[in-house]
Amino acid sequence: MSQPFDIAAQPWQRFVFERRERVLYAIIDSGHRMNGVDEPMHEEFARLFTALQRDDASDIVVLTARGRAFCAGGDFDWFQAQVDDPARFRAITWDAKRIVSSLLELEKPLICRLNGAAAGLGASIALLCDVIIADETALIGDPHVKVGLVAGDGGALIWPQLIGYARAKELLMTGEMLTAARAAELGLINYAVPAGELDSRVDDMVARIAANPKWAVRWTKTVTNIPLRALAAQTMDAALGWETASNYLHDRREAVAAAREKRAPRLSGD
């Protein structure tokens, strides 16, 4: 008989795990207050959701983070490395697809406890969760375009499904960050609550879900995600292909340089 699978016994650099009976907290913990995505975090996100599915001691997962932000998008040192060597960007596209597909295939209920800013891939991961409960001071947005990239790693997939194409395209093309209150008003997230109430609201949601028969909940979620999984299968190759292409452009290099140097970009249109 095989040994029970324990996610916390696996090697992780950017995540820690806490158990509360049959509820597992998966906590982003990069050691940096903004939890920017670097190469180790990206690789670990690509195997996280499969590991969460396999974990034998949990029925519900809460995804959250330590630090000031939930996950504030790509780390700019990593961005610069990808600009300098585009092969490094091309090499992550398979993992980028795995992040989205494995998240949508996870049967266990996945609640996002959005403790702070979520941007870019961080926002995509938050929005692909089943229920999103945010600190009302948090910001959320997909500013891929501001750093010269196509929003190819999940943003162009999930935003239109949550708030419609007109609003989604406006926000994806401007890269605007929203307050949690505005995001809840638009239907992008479920709730924006005072910081002091965040844990109690998450606990309440966990209890409401856990009060129902486990397999009815899991398989209801699975059926509900079928259209999203089909849409991801239809679009992610093209989305990541265009994002990879955008990493080669002059304005991508300039946008990253400007952000690192804390100045306005001098865009050429190329």
C-alpha atoms as a PDB file:
ATOM      1  CA  MET A   1       0.000   0.000   0.000  1.00  0.00           C
ATOM      2  CA  SER A   2       1.395   3.404  -0.976  1.00  0.00           C
ATOM      3  CA  GLN A   3       2.201   5.994   1.652  1.00  0.00           C
ATOM      4  CA  PRO A   4      -0.227   8.943   2.011  1.00  0.00           C
ATOM      5  CA  PHE A   5       0.885  11.960   0.019  1.00  0.00           C
ATOM      6  CA  ASP A   6       1.798  14.951   2.199  1.00  0.00           C
ATOM      7  CA  ILE A   7       2.340  18.158   0.262  1.00  0.00           C
ATOM      8  CA  ALA A   8       4.358  19.695   3.082  1.00  0.00           C
ATOM      9  CA  ALA A   9       6.887  16.860   2.867  1.00  0.00           C
ATOM     10  CA  GLN A  10       7.795  17.867  -0.691  1.00  0.00           C
ATOM     11  CA  PRO A  11      10.608  20.365  -1.449  1.00  0.00           C
ATOM     12  CA  TRP A  12       9.352  23.964  -1.677  1.00  0.00           C
ATOM     13  CA  GLN A  13      11.256  27.255  -1.756  1.00  0.00           C
ATOM     14  CA  ARG A  14       8.387  29.720  -2.182  1.00  0.00           C
ATOM     15  CA  PHE A  15       5.488  28.070  -0.324  1.00  0.00           C
ATOM     16  CA  VAL A  16       4.720  26.975   3.206  1.00  0.00           C
ATOM     17  CA  PHE A  17       1.711  24.975   4.376  1.00  0.00           C
ATOM     18  CA  GLU A  18      -0.477  24.998   7.469  1.00  0.00           C
ATOM     19  CA  ARG A  19      -3.205  22.522   8.405  1.00  0.00           C
ATOM     20  CA  ARG A  20      -6.391  23.270  10.294  1.00  0.00           C
ATOM     21  CA  GLU A  21      -8.127  19.901  10.524  1.00  0.00           C
ATOM     22  CA  ARG A  22      -9.092  19.060   6.903  1.00  0.00           C
ATOM     23  CA  VAL A  23      -8.379  22.584   5.618  1.00  0.00           C
ATOM     24  CA  LEU A  24      -4.965  23.221   4.074  1.00  0.00           C
ATOM     25  CA  TYR A  25      -3.506  26.727   3.862  1.00  0.00           C
ATOM     26  CA  ALA A  26      -1.086  27.062   0.942  1.00  0.00           C
ATOM     27  CA  ILE A  27       0.897  30.216   1.662  1.00  0.00           C
ATOM     28  CA  ILE A  28       3.076  32.115  -0.798  1.00  0.00           C
ATOM     29  CA  ASP A  29       6.213  33.074   1.094  1.00  0.00           C
ATOM     30  CA  SER A  30       9.060  34.269  -1.108  1.00  0.00           C
ATOM     31  CA  GLY A  31      10.840  36.144   1.661  1.00  0.00           C
ATOM     32  CA  HIS A  32      10.024  39.408  -0.128  1.00  0.00           C
ATOM     33  CA  ARG A  33       7.104  41.541   0.983  1.00  0.00           C
ATOM     34  CA  MET A  34       5.675  41.827  -2.548  1.00  0.00           C
ATOM     35  CA  ASN A  35       6.036  38.115  -3.432  1.00  0.00           C
ATOM     36  CA  GLY A  36       7.103  38.789  -7.020  1.00  0.00           C
ATOM     37  CA  VAL A  37       7.178  35.791  -9.331  1.00  0.00           C
ATOM     38  CA  ASP A  38      10.688  34.569 -10.034  1.00  0.00           C
ATOM     39  CA  GLU A  39      11.835  31.361 -11.695  1.00  0.00           C
ATOM     40  CA  PRO A  40      11.546  29.143  -8.578  1.00  0.00           C
ATOM     41  CA  MET A  41       8.060  30.458  -7.774  1.00  0.00           C
ATOM     42  CA  HIS A  42       6.881  29.973 -11.352  1.00  0.00           C
ATOM     43  CA  GLU A  43       8.140  26.382 -11.354  1.00  0.00           C
ATOM     44  CA  GLU A  44       6.499  25.704  -8.013  1.00  0.00           C
ATOM     45  CA  PHE A  45       3.160  27.186  -9.115  1.00  0.00           C
ATOM     46  CA  ALA A  46       3.325  24.756 -12.054  1.00  0.00           C
ATOM     47  CA  ARG A  47       3.307  21.767  -9.674  1.00  0.00           C
ATOM     48  CA  LEU A  48       1.400  23.259  -6.718  1.00  0.00           C
ATOM     49  CA  PHE A  49      -2.167  22.496  -7.769  1.00  0.00           C
ATOM     50  CA  THR A  50      -1.458  18.898  -8.734  1.00  0.00           C
ATOM     51  CA  ALA A  51       0.212  18.446  -5.355  1.00  0.00           C
ATOM     52  CA  LEU A  52      -2.805  20.025  -3.627  1.00  0.00           C
ATOM     53  CA  GLN A  53      -5.079  17.550  -5.400  1.00  0.00           C
ATOM     54  CA  ARG A  54      -2.906  14.621  -4.283  1.00  0.00           C
ATOM     55  CA  ASP A  55      -2.601  15.756  -0.658  1.00  0.00           C
ATOM     56  CA  ASP A  56      -4.483  13.129   1.337  1.00  0.00           C
ATOM     57  CA  ALA A  57      -5.124  15.067   4.535  1.00  0.00           C
ATOM     58  CA  SER A  58      -7.097  17.997   3.082  1.00  0.00           C
ATOM     59  CA  ASP A  59     -10.534  18.585   1.588  1.00  0.00           C
ATOM     60  CA  ILE A  60     -10.524  22.387   1.188  1.00  0.00           C
ATOM     61  CA  VAL A  61      -7.612  24.658   0.247  1.00  0.00           C
ATOM     62  CA  VAL A  62      -7.088  28.309   1.157  1.00  0.00           C
ATOM     63  CA  LEU A  63      -4.491  30.058  -1.015  1.00  0.00           C
ATOM     64  CA  THR A  64      -2.951  33.148   0.578  1.00  0.00           C
ATOM     65  CA  ALA A  65       0.412  34.811   1.219  1.00  0.00           C
ATOM     66  CA  ARG A  66       2.729  36.267   3.811  1.00  0.00           C
ATOM     67  CA  GLY A  67       3.986  39.798   3.390  1.00  0.00           C
ATOM     68  CA  ARG A  68       2.493  43.013   2.111  1.00  0.00           C
ATOM     69  CA  ALA A  69       1.189  41.558  -1.167  1.00  0.00           C
ATOM     70  CA  PHE A  70      -0.505  38.373  -2.313  1.00  0.00           C
ATOM     71  CA  CYS A  71       1.611  38.183  -5.470  1.00  0.00           C
ATOM     72  CA  ALA A  72       2.593  41.393  -7.224  1.00  0.00           C
ATOM     73  CA  GLY A  73       3.416  39.942 -10.650  1.00  0.00           C
ATOM     74  CA  GLY A  74       6.772  39.216 -12.229  1.00  0.00           C
ATOM     75  CA  ASP A  75      10.028  39.974 -10.452  1.00  0.00           C
ATOM     76  CA  PHE A  76      11.896  42.633 -12.449  1.00  0.00           C
ATOM     77  CA  ASP A  77      15.290  40.969 -12.112  1.00  0.00           C
ATOM     78  CA  TRP A  78      13.729  37.890 -13.716  1.00  0.00           C
ATOM     79  CA  PHE A  79      12.122  40.072 -16.377  1.00  0.00           C
ATOM     80  CA  GLN A  80      15.516  41.546 -17.207  1.00  0.00           C
ATOM     81  CA  ALA A  81      17.058  38.096 -17.477  1.00  0.00           C
ATOM     82  CA  GLN A  82      14.305  37.093 -19.922  1.00  0.00           C
ATOM     83  CA  VAL A  83      14.864  40.227 -22.012  1.00  0.00           C
ATOM     84  CA  ASP A  84      18.607  39.563 -22.098  1.00  0.00           C
ATOM     85  CA  ASP A  85      18.081  35.898 -23.027  1.00  0.00           C
ATOM     86  CA  PRO A  86      14.642  35.351 -24.656  1.00  0.00           C
ATOM     87  CA  ALA A  87      15.179  31.595 -24.598  1.00  0.00           C
ATOM     88  CA  ARG A  88      14.592  31.777 -20.847  1.00  0.00           C
ATOM     89  CA  PHE A  89      11.128  33.206 -21.474  1.00  0.00           C
ATOM     90  CA  ARG A  90      10.348  30.614 -24.145  1.00  0.00           C
ATOM     91  CA  ALA A  91      11.396  27.861 -21.750  1.00  0.00           C
ATOM     92  CA  ILE A  92       8.694  28.689 -19.171  1.00  0.00           C
ATOM     93  CA  THR A  93       5.672  28.485 -21.481  1.00  0.00           C
ATOM     94  CA  TRP A  94       4.984  24.804 -20.792  1.00  0.00           C
ATOM     95  CA  ASP A  95       4.938  25.501 -17.062  1.00  0.00           C
ATOM     96  CA  ALA A  96       2.736  28.544 -17.703  1.00  0.00           C
ATOM     97  CA  LYS A  97       0.151  26.268 -19.330  1.00  0.00           C
ATOM     98  CA  ARG A  98       0.419  23.795 -16.460  1.00  0.00           C
ATOM     99  CA  ILE A  99      -0.334  26.526 -13.917  1.00  0.00           C
ATOM    100  CA  VAL A 100      -3.669  27.350 -15.540  1.00  0.00           C
ATOM    101  CA  SER A 101      -4.668  23.810 -16.510  1.00  0.00           C
ATOM    102  CA  SER A 102      -3.795  22.222 -13.160  1.00  0.00           C
ATOM    103  CA  LEU A 103      -5.530  25.015 -11.240  1.00  0.00           C
ATOM    104  CA  LEU A 104      -8.729  24.457 -13.234  1.00  0.00           C
ATOM    105  CA  GLU A 105      -8.437  20.670 -12.824  1.00  0.00           C
ATOM    106  CA  LEU A 106      -8.120  20.834  -9.023  1.00  0.00           C
ATOM    107  CA  GLU A 107     -11.278  19.218  -7.622  1.00  0.00           C
ATOM    108  CA  LYS A 108     -10.960  20.497  -4.066  1.00  0.00           C
ATOM    109  CA  PRO A 109     -12.639  23.840  -3.311  1.00  0.00           C
ATOM    110  CA  LEU A 110     -10.012  26.582  -3.573  1.00  0.00           C
ATOM    111  CA  ILE A 111     -10.583  29.808  -1.668  1.00  0.00           C
ATOM    112  CA  CYS A 112      -8.317  32.787  -2.281  1.00  0.00           C
ATOM    113  CA  ARG A 113      -7.613  34.800   0.855  1.00  0.00           C
ATOM    114  CA  LEU A 114      -6.384  37.914  -0.931  1.00  0.00           C
ATOM    115  CA  ASN A 115      -4.312  39.587   1.756  1.00  0.00           C
ATOM    116  CA  GLY A 116      -2.753  42.274  -0.489  1.00  0.00           C
ATOM    117  CA  ALA A 117      -1.953  43.320  -4.031  1.00  0.00           C
ATOM    118  CA  ALA A 118      -2.353  40.793  -6.841  1.00  0.00           C
ATOM    119  CA  ALA A 119      -0.981  41.720 -10.257  1.00  0.00           C
ATOM    120  CA  GLY A 120      -0.282  39.937 -13.522  1.00  0.00           C
ATOM    121  CA  LEU A 121       0.106  36.201 -12.960  1.00  0.00           C
ATOM    122  CA  GLY A 122      -0.733  36.753  -9.291  1.00  0.00           C
ATOM    123  CA  ALA A 123      -4.087  38.239 -10.300  1.00  0.00           C
ATOM    124  CA  SER A 124      -4.759  35.430 -12.791  1.00  0.00           C
ATOM    125  CA  ILE A 125      -4.148  32.790 -10.137  1.00  0.00           C
ATOM    126  CA  ALA A 126      -6.370  34.603  -7.639  1.00  0.00           C
ATOM    127  CA  LEU A 127      -9.197  35.011 -10.153  1.00  0.00           C
ATOM    128  CA  LEU A 128      -9.052  31.360 -11.242  1.00  0.00           C
ATOM    129  CA  CYS A 129      -9.807  30.318  -7.657  1.00  0.00           C
ATOM    130  CA  ASP A 130     -13.374  29.359  -6.741  1.00  0.00           C
ATOM    131  CA  VAL A 131     -14.106  32.084  -4.182  1.00  0.00           C
ATOM    132  CA  ILE A 132     -12.026  35.245  -3.723  1.00  0.00           C
ATOM    133  CA  ILE A 133     -12.245  37.125  -0.422  1.00  0.00           C
ATOM    134  CA  ALA A 134     -10.032  40.217  -0.281  1.00  0.00           C
ATOM    135  CA  ASP A 135      -8.747  42.712   2.219  1.00  0.00           C
ATOM    136  CA  GLU A 136     -10.519  45.883   1.122  1.00  0.00           C
ATOM    137  CA  THR A 137      -7.167  47.711   0.910  1.00  0.00           C
ATOM    138  CA  ALA A 138      -5.816  45.217  -1.637  1.00  0.00           C
ATOM    139  CA  LEU A 139      -5.338  46.143  -5.288  1.00  0.00           C
ATOM    140  CA  ILE A 140      -5.859  43.772  -8.197  1.00  0.00           C
ATOM    141  CA  GLY A 141      -5.058  44.150 -11.874  1.00  0.00           C
ATOM    142  CA  ASP A 142      -3.221  42.795 -14.869  1.00  0.00           C
ATOM    143  CA  PRO A 143      -0.555  45.313 -15.949  1.00  0.00           C
ATOM    144  CA  HIS A 144       1.168  43.021 -18.461  1.00  0.00           C
ATOM    145  CA  VAL A 145       0.901  45.711 -21.144  1.00  0.00           C
ATOM    146  CA  LYS A 146       2.732  48.211 -18.943  1.00  0.00           C
ATOM    147  CA  VAL A 147       5.809  45.979 -18.999  1.00  0.00           C
ATOM    148  CA  GLY A 148       5.497  45.309 -22.727  1.00  0.00           C
ATOM    149  CA  LEU A 149       3.916  41.858 -22.550  1.00  0.00           C
ATOM    150  CA  VAL A 150       0.727  40.258 -23.816  1.00  0.00           C
ATOM    151  CA  ALA A 151      -1.547  39.179 -20.935  1.00  0.00           C
ATOM    152  CA  GLY A 152      -1.078  35.591 -22.031  1.00  0.00           C
ATOM    153  CA  ASP A 153      -0.664  33.631 -18.807  1.00  0.00           C
ATOM    154  CA  GLY A 154      -4.325  33.569 -17.804  1.00  0.00           C
ATOM    155  CA  GLY A 155      -5.514  37.176 -17.759  1.00  0.00           C
ATOM    156  CA  ALA A 156      -7.003  37.215 -21.256  1.00  0.00           C
ATOM    157  CA  LEU A 157      -8.707  33.932 -20.389  1.00  0.00           C
ATOM    158  CA  ILE A 158     -10.387  34.683 -17.054  1.00  0.00           C
ATOM    159  CA  TRP A 159     -11.118  38.418 -16.968  1.00  0.00           C
ATOM    160  CA  PRO A 160     -13.745  38.391 -19.757  1.00  0.00           C
ATOM    161  CA  GLN A 161     -15.506  35.419 -18.183  1.00  0.00           C
ATOM    162  CA  LEU A 162     -15.922  37.279 -14.892  1.00  0.00           C
ATOM    163  CA  ILE A 163     -16.810  40.820 -15.972  1.00  0.00           C
ATOM    164  CA  GLY A 164     -17.577  40.650 -19.704  1.00  0.00           C
ATOM    165  CA  TYR A 165     -15.468  41.520 -22.696  1.00  0.00           C
ATOM    166  CA  ALA A 166     -15.924  45.300 -22.780  1.00  0.00           C
ATOM    167  CA  ARG A 167     -14.764  45.905 -19.225  1.00  0.00           C
ATOM    168  CA  ALA A 168     -12.115  43.182 -19.386  1.00  0.00           C
ATOM    169  CA  LYS A 169     -10.549  44.556 -22.558  1.00  0.00           C
ATOM    170  CA  GLU A 170     -10.502  48.073 -21.121  1.00  0.00           C
ATOM    171  CA  LEU A 171      -8.684  46.908 -17.998  1.00  0.00           C
ATOM    172  CA  LEU A 172      -6.315  44.550 -19.804  1.00  0.00           C
ATOM    173  CA  MET A 173      -5.379  47.176 -22.422  1.00  0.00           C
ATOM    174  CA  THR A 174      -4.839  49.948 -19.861  1.00  0.00           C
ATOM    175  CA  GLY A 175      -3.210  47.755 -17.213  1.00  0.00           C
ATOM    176  CA  GLU A 176      -5.234  49.598 -14.568  1.00  0.00           C
ATOM    177  CA  MET A 177      -5.189  48.340 -10.986  1.00  0.00           C
ATOM    178  CA  LEU A 178      -8.537  48.167  -9.180  1.00  0.00           C
ATOM    179  CA  THR A 179      -9.318  48.504  -5.513  1.00  0.00           C
ATOM    180  CA  ALA A 180     -10.782  45.384  -3.980  1.00  0.00           C
ATOM    181  CA  ALA A 181     -14.034  47.262  -3.385  1.00  0.00           C
ATOM    182  CA  ARG A 182     -14.302  48.137  -7.081  1.00  0.00           C
ATOM    183  CA  ALA A 183     -13.372  44.589  -8.066  1.00  0.00           C
ATOM    184  CA  ALA A 184     -16.182  43.239  -5.880  1.00  0.00           C
ATOM    185  CA  GLU A 185     -18.605  45.779  -7.326  1.00  0.00           C
ATOM    186  CA  LEU A 186     -17.762  44.609 -10.853  1.00  0.00           C
ATOM    187  CA  GLY A 187     -18.091  40.938  -9.897  1.00  0.00           C
ATOM    188  CA  LEU A 188     -14.395  40.252 -10.422  1.00  0.00           C
ATOM    189  CA  ILE A 189     -14.048  38.954  -6.857  1.00  0.00           C
ATOM    190  CA  ASN A 190     -16.622  37.773  -4.338  1.00  0.00           C
ATOM    191  CA  TYR A 191     -16.013  39.988  -1.314  1.00  0.00           C
ATOM    192  CA  ALA A 192     -13.906  42.956  -0.156  1.00  0.00           C
ATOM    193  CA  VAL A 193     -13.844  43.141   3.640  1.00  0.00           C
ATOM    194  CA  PRO A 194     -11.999  45.115   6.341  1.00  0.00           C
ATOM    195  CA  ALA A 195      -8.605  43.623   7.174  1.00  0.00           C
ATOM    196  CA  GLY A 196      -9.767  42.725  10.663  1.00  0.00           C
ATOM    197  CA  GLU A 197     -12.591  40.640   9.229  1.00  0.00           C
ATOM    198  CA  LEU A 198     -10.640  38.797   6.543  1.00  0.00           C
ATOM    199  CA  ASP A 199      -9.893  35.670   8.540  1.00  0.00           C
ATOM    200  CA  SER A 200     -13.390  35.360   9.976  1.00  0.00           C
ATOM    201  CA  ARG A 201     -14.960  35.735   6.526  1.00  0.00           C
ATOM    202  CA  VAL A 202     -12.638  33.092   5.093  1.00  0.00           C
ATOM    203  CA  ASP A 203     -13.400  30.788   8.040  1.00  0.00           C
ATOM    204  CA  ASP A 204     -17.121  31.301   7.478  1.00  0.00           C
ATOM    205  CA  MET A 205     -16.835  30.427   3.788  1.00  0.00           C
ATOM    206  CA  VAL A 206     -14.808  27.318   4.611  1.00  0.00           C
ATOM    207  CA  ALA A 207     -17.435  26.227   7.132  1.00  0.00           C
ATOM    208  CA  ARG A 208     -20.309  26.811   4.701  1.00  0.00           C
ATOM    209  CA  ILE A 209     -18.636  24.686   2.027  1.00  0.00           C
ATOM    210  CA  ALA A 210     -17.458  21.993   4.459  1.00  0.00           C
ATOM    211  CA  ALA A 211     -21.020  21.561   5.774  1.00  0.00           C
ATOM    212  CA  ASN A 212     -22.000  19.948   2.461  1.00  0.00           C
ATOM    213  CA  PRO A 213     -21.210  16.408   1.214  1.00  0.00           C
ATOM    214  CA  LYS A 214     -17.606  16.448  -0.005  1.00  0.00           C
ATOM    215  CA  TRP A 215     -17.991  14.676  -3.328  1.00  0.00           C
ATOM    216  CA  ALA A 216     -21.094  16.630  -4.314  1.00  0.00           C
ATOM    217  CA  VAL A 217     -19.102  19.822  -3.796  1.00  0.00           C
ATOM    218  CA  ARG A 218     -15.997  18.572  -5.639  1.00  0.00           C
ATOM    219  CA  TRP A 219     -17.833  17.264  -8.650  1.00  0.00           C
ATOM    220  CA  THR A 220     -20.107  20.309  -8.878  1.00  0.00           C
ATOM    221  CA  LYS A 221     -16.979  22.427  -9.081  1.00  0.00           C
ATOM    222  CA  THR A 222     -15.473  20.044 -11.642  1.00  0.00           C
ATOM    223  CA  VAL A 223     -18.523  20.278 -13.908  1.00  0.00           C
ATOM    224  CA  THR A 224     -18.675  24.059 -13.551  1.00  0.00           C
ATOM    225  CA  ASN A 225     -15.024  24.351 -14.626  1.00  0.00           C
ATOM    226  CA  ILE A 226     -15.462  22.291 -17.817  1.00  0.00           C
ATOM    227  CA  PRO A 227     -16.155  25.335 -20.057  1.00  0.00           C
ATOM    228  CA  LEU A 228     -13.167  27.191 -18.571  1.00  0.00           C
ATOM    229  CA  ARG A 229     -10.926  24.175 -19.114  1.00  0.00           C
ATOM    230  CA  ALA A 230     -12.103  23.925 -22.716  1.00  0.00           C
ATOM    231  CA  LEU A 231     -11.501  27.631 -23.265  1.00  0.00           C
ATOM    232  CA  ALA A 232      -8.024  27.354 -21.759  1.00  0.00           C
ATOM    233  CA  ALA A 233      -7.235  24.450 -24.093  1.00  0.00           C
ATOM    234  CA  GLN A 234      -8.394  26.538 -27.062  1.00  0.00           C
ATOM    235  CA  THR A 235      -6.535  29.723 -26.204  1.00  0.00           C
ATOM    236  CA  MET A 236      -3.477  29.201 -24.030  1.00  0.00           C
ATOM    237  CA  ASP A 237      -1.068  28.108 -26.778  1.00  0.00           C
ATOM    238  CA  ALA A 238      -1.837  31.200 -28.828  1.00  0.00           C
ATOM    239  CA  ALA A 239      -1.871  33.473 -25.765  1.00  0.00           C
ATOM    240  CA  LEU A 240       1.536  32.286 -24.630  1.00  0.00           C
ATOM    241  CA  GLY A 241       2.853  32.385 -28.189  1.00  0.00           C
ATOM    242  CA  TRP A 242       1.939  36.057 -28.516  1.00  0.00           C
ATOM    243  CA  GLU A 243       3.333  36.758 -25.041  1.00  0.00           C
ATOM    244  CA  THR A 244       6.610  35.095 -26.032  1.00  0.00           C
ATOM    245  CA  ALA A 245       6.726  37.167 -29.218  1.00  0.00           C
ATOM    246  CA  SER A 246       6.177  40.382 -27.268  1.00  0.00           C
ATOM    247  CA  ASN A 247       9.216  39.594 -25.098  1.00  0.00           C
ATOM    248  CA  TYR A 248      11.443  40.116 -28.168  1.00  0.00           C
ATOM    249  CA  LEU A 249      10.300  43.682 -28.872  1.00  0.00           C
ATOM    250  CA  HIS A 250      12.118  46.970 -28.283  1.00  0.00           C
ATOM    251  CA  ASP A 251       9.285  48.420 -26.217  1.00  0.00           C
ATOM    252  CA  ARG A 252       9.400  45.398 -23.919  1.00  0.00           C
ATOM    253  CA  ARG A 253      13.090  46.050 -23.230  1.00  0.00           C
ATOM    254  CA  GLU A 254      12.401  49.752 -22.711  1.00  0.00           C
ATOM    255  CA  ALA A 255       9.418  49.154 -20.414  1.00  0.00           C
ATOM    256  CA  VAL A 256      11.453  46.857 -18.171  1.00  0.00           C
ATOM    257  CA  ALA A 257      14.411  49.259 -18.128  1.00  0.00           C
ATOM    258  CA  ALA A 258      12.154  52.193 -17.281  1.00  0.00           C
ATOM    259  CA  ALA A 259      10.492  50.323 -14.427  1.00  0.00           C
ATOM    260  CA  ARG A 260      13.845  49.284 -12.986  1.00  0.00           C
ATOM    261  CA  GLU A 261      15.165  52.852 -13.299  1.00  0.00           C
ATOM    262  CA  LYS A 262      11.918  54.361 -11.928  1.00  0.00           C
ATOM    263  CA  ARG A 263      11.287  56.626 -14.914  1.00  0.00           C
ATOM    264  CA  ALA A 264       8.727  57.018 -17.672  1.00  0.00           C
ATOM    265  CA  PRO A 265       9.315  54.682 -20.640  1.00  0.00           C
ATOM    266  CA  ARG A 266      10.392  56.138 -23.995  1.00  0.00           C
ATOM    267  CA  LEU A 267       8.315  53.932 -26.264  1.00  0.00           C
ATOM    268  CA  SER A 268       9.075  53.629 -29.965  1.00  0.00           C
ATOM    269  CA  GLY A 269       6.065  51.634 -31.114  1.00  0.00           C
ATOM    270  CA  ASP A 270       8.245  48.623 -31.884  1.00  0.00           C
END
